Amino acid sequence: MIPRMFLLLALCATAAAQLRPVHTFSIVARDPATGEMGVAVQSHWFSVGSIVSWAEPGVGAVATQSFVDPSYGPLGLELMRTGKSAPDALRGLLAADANRDVRQVAMIDAQGRVDAWTGAKDIQAAGHIVGKEYSVQANLMSNTNIWPAMSKAFESTKGDLAERMLAALDAAQAAGGDIRGRQSAALIVVAGKSTGKPWDRIFDLRVDDNAEPLKELRRLVVLQRAYNHMNAGDLATEHKDNEAALREYAAAEQLAANNPDIHPTRYAEMLYWHAVALVNMRRVDESLPLFRKAFALHPAWRELTPRLPKAGLLPDDPKVIQRIVQQR
């Protein structure tokens, strides 16, 4: 059961926001191999990701759009969290919504059960396709080819869930997209099992205002992949798995190195913390070339280095610190 206070807050939010015209195309999907779930969306509306896309690890994902009621996101997740299937959660919310004919909503749960709704008064071209563990939906489109193109692209693309959902968005745009043009995009991917932390997400990316939001979203996905490797490296270090940590750091650097879409200072930071990890593994000689590259890309890292021993991030050994900062 949804707490009474939660319902009251959601109804207040609905009254204030239920007619925001967030016309868009989106996909909700689940990867049956990993259990990951997600939402990807593009629209000619500012900050579409702050309104349309919702997901929680181990629970499900929601896209709420057209004349959007944002409360479908948190309420849908709450219903799924308490054991309702995505189709049942969607039916229940629609039944209580007097303005359902102007809504477009899709939901998927952690078991891959999925359903969608396109209201009779959504601005045309509008429609959706519910497939196996995914749904694509669109409204205010330039033509009726948009959601079939998304479905075909998602089903035929190889790769992880993020890559397949991006392919669906690209296909929608290639088929004509939003009749108004493009402005913002977003992508969320969460784990199939609960982490105990609703904010713990594999991808959580937003492009709020950009002439080419899908291009920028793809750039951010590559950068997020790199930082995911960095985070995995840090976790391996905490568990004293040095070789796994070094593999993860190297994978992050490979994604960032010589990539014209990633600023060199991002690559510099990856090199730097990789080098710091090597020093703490007592592999100082191996660390020095990495420090040298990092300092060349962004000299401020050299200035930072003497501050780290006090924070416990480098050995309190003046000779080691001197060797590091002398790298040029």
Protein backbone atom coordinates (compact mmCIF):
# COMPACT_ATOMS: atom_id res chain seq x y z
CA MET A 1 0.00 0.00 0.00
CA ILE A 2 1.24 3.52 -0.83
CA PRO A 3 1.48 5.70 2.30
CA ARG A 4 -1.29 8.32 2.53
CA MET A 5 1.19 11.20 2.84
CA PHE A 6 3.03 9.99 -0.26
CA LEU A 7 -0.24 9.98 -2.21
CA LEU A 8 -1.16 13.47 -1.03
CA LEU A 9 2.21 14.85 -2.05
CA ALA A 10 1.96 13.18 -5.43
CA LEU A 11 -1.54 14.58 -6.00
CA CYS A 12 -0.29 18.07 -5.20
CA ALA A 13 2.53 17.62 -7.69
CA THR A 14 0.04 16.37 -10.26
CA ALA A 15 -2.18 19.41 -9.88
CA ALA A 16 0.80 21.69 -10.51
CA ALA A 17 2.45 19.76 -13.33
CA GLN A 18 -0.03 17.46 -15.07
CA LEU A 19 -0.25 19.54 -18.26
CA ARG A 20 3.43 20.11 -19.00
CA PRO A 21 3.73 19.40 -22.75
CA VAL A 22 6.72 17.06 -22.69
CA HIS A 23 6.12 15.46 -26.09
CA THR A 24 8.88 13.04 -26.87
CA PHE A 25 10.08 9.58 -27.83
CA SER A 26 11.39 7.09 -25.29
CA ILE A 27 12.14 3.47 -24.50
CA VAL A 28 11.85 1.45 -21.29
CA ALA A 29 13.63 -1.91 -21.35
CA ARG A 30 15.18 -4.78 -19.42
CA ASP A 31 18.20 -6.89 -20.35
CA PRO A 32 17.24 -10.53 -19.65
CA ALA A 33 20.91 -11.56 -19.42
CA THR A 34 21.89 -9.08 -16.69
CA GLY A 35 18.54 -8.01 -15.27
CA GLU A 36 19.47 -4.36 -15.84
CA MET A 37 16.55 -2.00 -16.51
CA GLY A 38 16.48 1.45 -17.97
CA VAL A 39 14.89 4.41 -19.70
CA ALA A 40 16.21 6.48 -22.60
CA VAL A 41 14.48 9.56 -23.99
CA GLN A 42 14.84 12.55 -26.31
CA SER A 43 12.55 15.58 -26.67
CA HIS A 44 12.27 19.16 -27.84
CA TRP A 45 11.73 20.26 -24.25
CA PHE A 46 14.16 21.55 -21.67
CA SER A 47 15.58 18.99 -19.22
CA VAL A 48 13.43 16.06 -20.32
CA GLY A 49 15.32 13.70 -18.01
CA SER A 50 14.15 15.53 -14.89
CA ILE A 51 10.50 14.77 -15.69
CA VAL A 52 10.11 11.74 -17.97
CA SER A 53 12.58 9.07 -16.85
CA TRP A 54 12.42 7.13 -13.57
CA ALA A 55 14.12 3.90 -12.45
CA GLU A 56 15.09 2.07 -9.27
CA PRO A 57 17.43 -0.94 -8.85
CA GLY A 58 15.55 -4.19 -8.35
CA VAL A 59 12.20 -2.49 -8.88
CA GLY A 60 11.55 -1.18 -12.37
CA ALA A 61 11.58 1.74 -14.78
CA VAL A 62 8.98 4.28 -15.91
CA ALA A 63 8.68 6.77 -18.77
CA THR A 64 5.89 9.34 -18.32
CA GLN A 65 5.38 11.83 -21.16
CA SER A 66 3.01 13.69 -23.53
CA PHE A 67 1.01 16.09 -21.27
CA VAL A 68 3.11 14.64 -18.53
CA ASP A 69 2.13 13.79 -15.00
CA PRO A 70 5.49 13.32 -13.22
CA SER A 71 3.86 11.48 -10.31
CA TYR A 72 3.50 8.37 -12.50
CA GLY A 73 7.25 7.90 -11.94
CA PRO A 74 7.48 7.71 -8.15
CA LEU A 75 4.01 6.21 -7.76
CA GLY A 76 4.68 3.54 -10.36
CA LEU A 77 7.95 2.59 -8.70
CA GLU A 78 6.28 2.52 -5.27
CA LEU A 79 3.59 0.17 -6.53
CA MET A 80 6.16 -2.13 -8.14
CA ARG A 81 8.28 -2.01 -4.99
CA THR A 82 5.32 -3.35 -3.01
CA GLY A 83 4.86 -6.28 -5.42
CA LYS A 84 2.57 -5.02 -8.17
CA SER A 85 3.52 -5.95 -11.73
CA ALA A 86 4.28 -3.10 -14.11
CA PRO A 87 1.04 -3.68 -16.08
CA ASP A 88 -1.03 -3.71 -12.87
CA ALA A 89 0.69 -0.59 -11.57
CA LEU A 90 0.06 1.24 -14.82
CA ARG A 91 -3.59 0.19 -14.98
CA GLY A 92 -4.15 1.33 -11.42
CA LEU A 93 -2.67 4.77 -11.97
CA LEU A 94 -4.53 5.28 -15.24
CA ALA A 95 -7.82 4.30 -13.64
CA ALA A 96 -7.37 7.05 -11.05
CA ASP A 97 -6.34 9.70 -13.61
CA ALA A 98 -9.15 11.81 -15.10
CA ASN A 99 -6.69 13.14 -17.70
CA ARG A 100 -5.40 9.76 -18.90
CA ASP A 101 -6.40 10.52 -22.50
CA VAL A 102 -3.55 13.05 -22.76
CA ARG A 103 -0.94 10.82 -21.11
CA GLN A 104 1.65 8.51 -22.59
CA VAL A 105 3.29 6.16 -20.09
CA ALA A 106 5.35 2.95 -20.15
CA MET A 107 6.46 0.77 -17.23
CA ILE A 108 8.64 -2.30 -16.85
CA ASP A 109 9.38 -4.27 -13.69
CA ALA A 110 12.28 -6.40 -12.48
CA GLN A 111 10.69 -9.55 -13.92
CA GLY A 112 10.48 -7.99 -17.38
CA ARG A 113 6.72 -7.50 -17.32
CA VAL A 114 5.93 -4.42 -19.37
CA ASP A 115 3.01 -2.34 -20.57
CA ALA A 116 2.36 1.05 -22.16
CA TRP A 117 -0.44 3.52 -22.73
CA THR A 118 -0.99 6.12 -25.45
CA GLY A 119 -3.94 8.40 -24.72
CA ALA A 120 -6.54 9.06 -27.40
CA LYS A 121 -5.90 12.81 -27.20
CA ASP A 122 -2.10 12.66 -27.47
CA ILE A 123 -0.89 14.89 -30.30
CA GLN A 124 -0.29 12.88 -33.45
CA ALA A 125 1.71 11.16 -34.69
CA ALA A 126 1.58 9.11 -31.49
CA GLY A 127 1.81 5.44 -30.65
CA HIS A 128 3.75 2.67 -28.95
CA ILE A 129 4.95 -0.89 -29.40
CA VAL A 130 5.26 -3.31 -26.48
CA GLY A 131 7.85 -5.98 -27.23
CA LYS A 132 9.58 -8.67 -25.24
CA GLU A 133 10.89 -6.91 -22.11
CA TYR A 134 10.73 -3.45 -23.68
CA SER A 135 8.35 -0.77 -24.86
CA VAL A 136 8.92 2.13 -27.26
CA GLN A 137 6.57 5.12 -27.34
CA ALA A 138 6.38 8.50 -29.04
CA ASN A 139 4.05 11.42 -29.54
CA LEU A 140 4.05 14.69 -31.52
CA MET A 141 6.25 12.96 -34.07
CA SER A 142 6.84 13.93 -37.68
CA ASN A 143 5.41 10.60 -38.90
CA THR A 144 4.18 7.17 -37.82
CA ASN A 145 7.49 5.41 -38.60
CA ILE A 146 9.19 6.55 -35.40
CA TRP A 147 8.24 3.87 -32.87
CA PRO A 148 8.49 0.96 -35.36
CA ALA A 149 12.03 2.15 -36.20
CA MET A 150 12.87 2.23 -32.49
CA SER A 151 11.55 -1.29 -31.98
CA LYS A 152 13.52 -2.67 -34.92
CA ALA A 153 16.74 -0.96 -33.81
CA PHE A 154 16.46 -2.16 -30.22
CA GLU A 155 15.81 -5.76 -31.25
CA SER A 156 18.62 -5.87 -33.85
CA THR A 157 21.39 -4.02 -31.99
CA LYS A 158 24.09 -5.94 -30.12
CA GLY A 159 25.68 -4.75 -26.90
CA ASP A 160 24.60 -3.87 -23.40
CA LEU A 161 21.29 -2.28 -22.48
CA ALA A 162 22.59 1.29 -22.72
CA GLU A 163 23.93 0.71 -26.24
CA ARG A 164 20.69 -0.89 -27.43
CA MET A 165 18.53 1.91 -26.01
CA LEU A 166 20.77 4.54 -27.61
CA ALA A 167 20.34 2.73 -30.92
CA ALA A 168 16.57 3.02 -30.50
CA LEU A 169 16.84 6.78 -29.94
CA ASP A 170 19.13 7.20 -32.94
CA ALA A 171 16.68 5.25 -35.10
CA ALA A 172 13.81 7.48 -33.98
CA GLN A 173 15.73 10.60 -34.91
CA ALA A 174 16.81 9.12 -38.24
CA ALA A 175 13.18 8.31 -39.06
CA GLY A 176 12.15 11.94 -38.53
CA GLY A 177 11.89 12.39 -34.79
CA ASP A 178 9.97 15.08 -32.93
CA ILE A 179 8.26 17.40 -35.40
CA ARG A 180 9.54 20.40 -33.36
CA GLY A 181 13.19 19.32 -33.48
CA ARG A 182 15.47 18.28 -30.63
CA GLN A 183 16.71 19.81 -27.38
CA SER A 184 17.35 17.39 -24.52
CA ALA A 185 17.94 13.71 -23.81
CA ALA A 186 18.54 11.35 -20.89
CA LEU A 187 19.48 7.78 -20.08
CA ILE A 188 19.14 5.80 -16.85
CA VAL A 189 20.25 2.18 -16.32
CA VAL A 190 19.90 0.43 -12.95
CA ALA A 191 20.76 -3.02 -11.64
CA GLY A 192 18.22 -5.82 -11.78
CA LYS A 193 18.67 -6.59 -8.10
CA SER A 194 18.16 -4.10 -5.32
CA THR A 195 21.33 -2.49 -4.04
CA GLY A 196 19.54 -1.04 -1.04
CA LYS A 197 20.32 2.40 -2.49
CA PRO A 198 17.73 3.76 -4.94
CA TRP A 199 20.27 6.33 -6.17
CA ASP A 200 22.85 3.64 -7.06
CA ARG A 201 22.75 3.65 -10.88
CA ILE A 202 24.97 2.24 -13.62
CA PHE A 203 24.14 5.17 -15.89
CA ASP A 204 22.34 8.36 -14.89
CA LEU A 205 22.93 10.92 -17.61
CA ARG A 206 21.10 14.04 -18.74
CA VAL A 207 21.60 16.51 -21.57
CA ASP A 208 19.33 19.39 -20.64
CA ASP A 209 19.80 21.75 -23.59
CA ASN A 210 21.87 20.96 -26.67
CA ALA A 211 21.63 21.35 -30.44
CA GLU A 212 22.54 17.66 -30.81
CA PRO A 213 21.42 15.98 -27.59
CA LEU A 214 21.87 12.39 -28.79
CA LYS A 215 25.45 13.04 -29.87
CA GLU A 216 26.18 14.58 -26.48
CA LEU A 217 24.41 11.73 -24.68
CA ARG A 218 26.62 9.19 -26.47
CA ARG A 219 29.72 11.17 -25.45
CA LEU A 220 28.58 11.08 -21.83
CA VAL A 221 27.89 7.35 -22.03
CA VAL A 222 31.50 6.70 -23.11
CA LEU A 223 32.74 8.91 -20.27
CA GLN A 224 30.45 7.17 -17.79
CA ARG A 225 31.77 3.79 -18.91
CA ALA A 226 35.30 5.01 -18.20
CA TYR A 227 34.40 6.27 -14.75
CA ASN A 228 32.53 3.03 -14.02
CA HIS A 229 35.85 1.25 -14.62
CA MET A 230 37.58 3.73 -12.31
CA ASN A 231 35.01 3.04 -9.59
CA ALA A 232 35.44 -0.70 -10.06
CA GLY A 233 39.19 -0.23 -9.77
CA ASP A 234 38.80 1.65 -6.50
CA LEU A 235 36.55 -1.09 -5.16
CA ALA A 236 39.06 -3.78 -6.15
CA THR A 237 41.78 -1.80 -4.38
CA GLU A 238 39.69 -1.73 -1.21
CA HIS A 239 39.40 -5.52 -1.45
CA LYS A 240 43.19 -5.86 -1.92
CA ASP A 241 42.73 -7.26 -5.44
CA ASN A 242 45.55 -5.26 -6.99
CA GLU A 243 45.62 -6.91 -10.40
CA ALA A 244 41.87 -6.48 -10.89
CA ALA A 245 42.21 -2.84 -9.87
CA LEU A 246 44.96 -2.22 -12.40
CA ARG A 247 42.92 -3.89 -15.16
CA GLU A 248 39.97 -1.63 -14.41
CA TYR A 249 42.10 1.53 -14.36
CA ALA A 250 43.70 0.55 -17.66
CA ALA A 251 40.27 -0.08 -19.21
CA ALA A 252 39.14 3.40 -18.14
CA GLU A 253 42.22 4.99 -19.66
CA GLN A 254 41.76 3.08 -22.91
CA LEU A 255 38.29 4.57 -23.33
CA ALA A 256 39.53 8.10 -22.64
CA ALA A 257 42.91 8.10 -24.38
CA ASN A 258 43.06 10.02 -27.64
CA ASN A 259 39.27 10.33 -27.71
CA PRO A 260 38.51 13.73 -29.26
CA ASP A 261 35.15 13.85 -27.48
CA ILE A 262 36.69 13.51 -24.01
CA HIS A 263 38.61 16.46 -22.57
CA PRO A 264 42.28 15.67 -21.82
CA THR A 265 41.92 16.69 -18.18
CA ARG A 266 39.52 13.76 -17.66
CA TYR A 267 42.15 11.40 -19.00
CA ALA A 268 44.74 13.09 -16.78
CA GLU A 269 42.73 12.38 -13.66
CA MET A 270 42.35 8.71 -14.56
CA LEU A 271 46.09 8.44 -15.08
CA TYR A 272 46.76 10.22 -11.81
CA TRP A 273 44.66 8.01 -9.55
CA HIS A 274 45.95 4.91 -11.32
CA ALA A 275 49.45 6.11 -10.49
CA VAL A 276 48.49 6.82 -6.87
CA ALA A 277 47.16 3.27 -6.58
CA LEU A 278 50.46 1.91 -7.90
CA VAL A 279 52.42 3.88 -5.30
CA ASN A 280 50.23 2.48 -2.55
CA MET A 281 50.92 -1.00 -3.94
CA ARG A 282 54.64 -0.18 -3.53
CA ARG A 283 55.12 -0.13 -7.30
CA VAL A 284 56.53 3.38 -7.45
CA ASP A 285 58.67 2.83 -10.55
CA GLU A 286 55.60 1.75 -12.52
CA SER A 287 53.69 4.81 -11.34
CA LEU A 288 56.16 7.45 -12.54
CA PRO A 289 55.34 7.36 -16.28
CA LEU A 290 51.67 7.77 -15.46
CA PHE A 291 52.36 10.74 -13.20
CA ARG A 292 54.48 12.24 -15.98
CA LYS A 293 51.61 11.98 -18.48
CA ALA A 294 49.09 13.36 -16.00
CA PHE A 295 51.31 16.35 -15.14
CA ALA A 296 51.85 17.12 -18.82
CA LEU A 297 48.12 17.15 -19.48
CA HIS A 298 47.22 19.13 -16.36
CA PRO A 299 50.09 20.55 -14.22
CA ALA A 300 47.84 21.18 -11.21
CA TRP A 301 48.13 17.47 -10.33
CA ARG A 302 51.80 18.06 -9.49
CA GLU A 303 50.80 20.82 -7.06
CA LEU A 304 48.18 18.58 -5.47
CA THR A 305 50.50 15.64 -4.83
CA PRO A 306 52.27 16.91 -1.64
CA ARG A 307 48.86 17.41 -0.02
CA LEU A 308 47.87 13.74 -0.27
CA PRO A 309 50.05 12.17 2.47
CA LYS A 310 48.24 14.15 5.17
CA ALA A 311 44.94 12.79 3.83
CA GLY A 312 46.35 9.25 3.93
CA LEU A 313 46.22 8.86 0.14
CA LEU A 314 49.98 8.65 -0.44
CA PRO A 315 52.81 7.43 1.83
CA ASP A 316 54.18 10.05 4.20
CA ASP A 317 57.64 9.68 2.67
CA PRO A 318 59.27 12.91 1.39
CA LYS A 319 61.61 10.98 -0.91
CA VAL A 320 58.71 9.26 -2.67
CA ILE A 321 56.81 12.52 -3.01
CA GLN A 322 59.89 14.23 -4.39
CA ARG A 323 60.37 11.52 -7.01
CA ILE A 324 56.77 11.94 -8.10
CA VAL A 325 56.69 15.74 -8.39
CA GLN A 326 59.99 15.78 -10.30
CA GLN A 327 58.42 13.89 -13.21
CA ARG A 328 58.48 16.05 -16.35
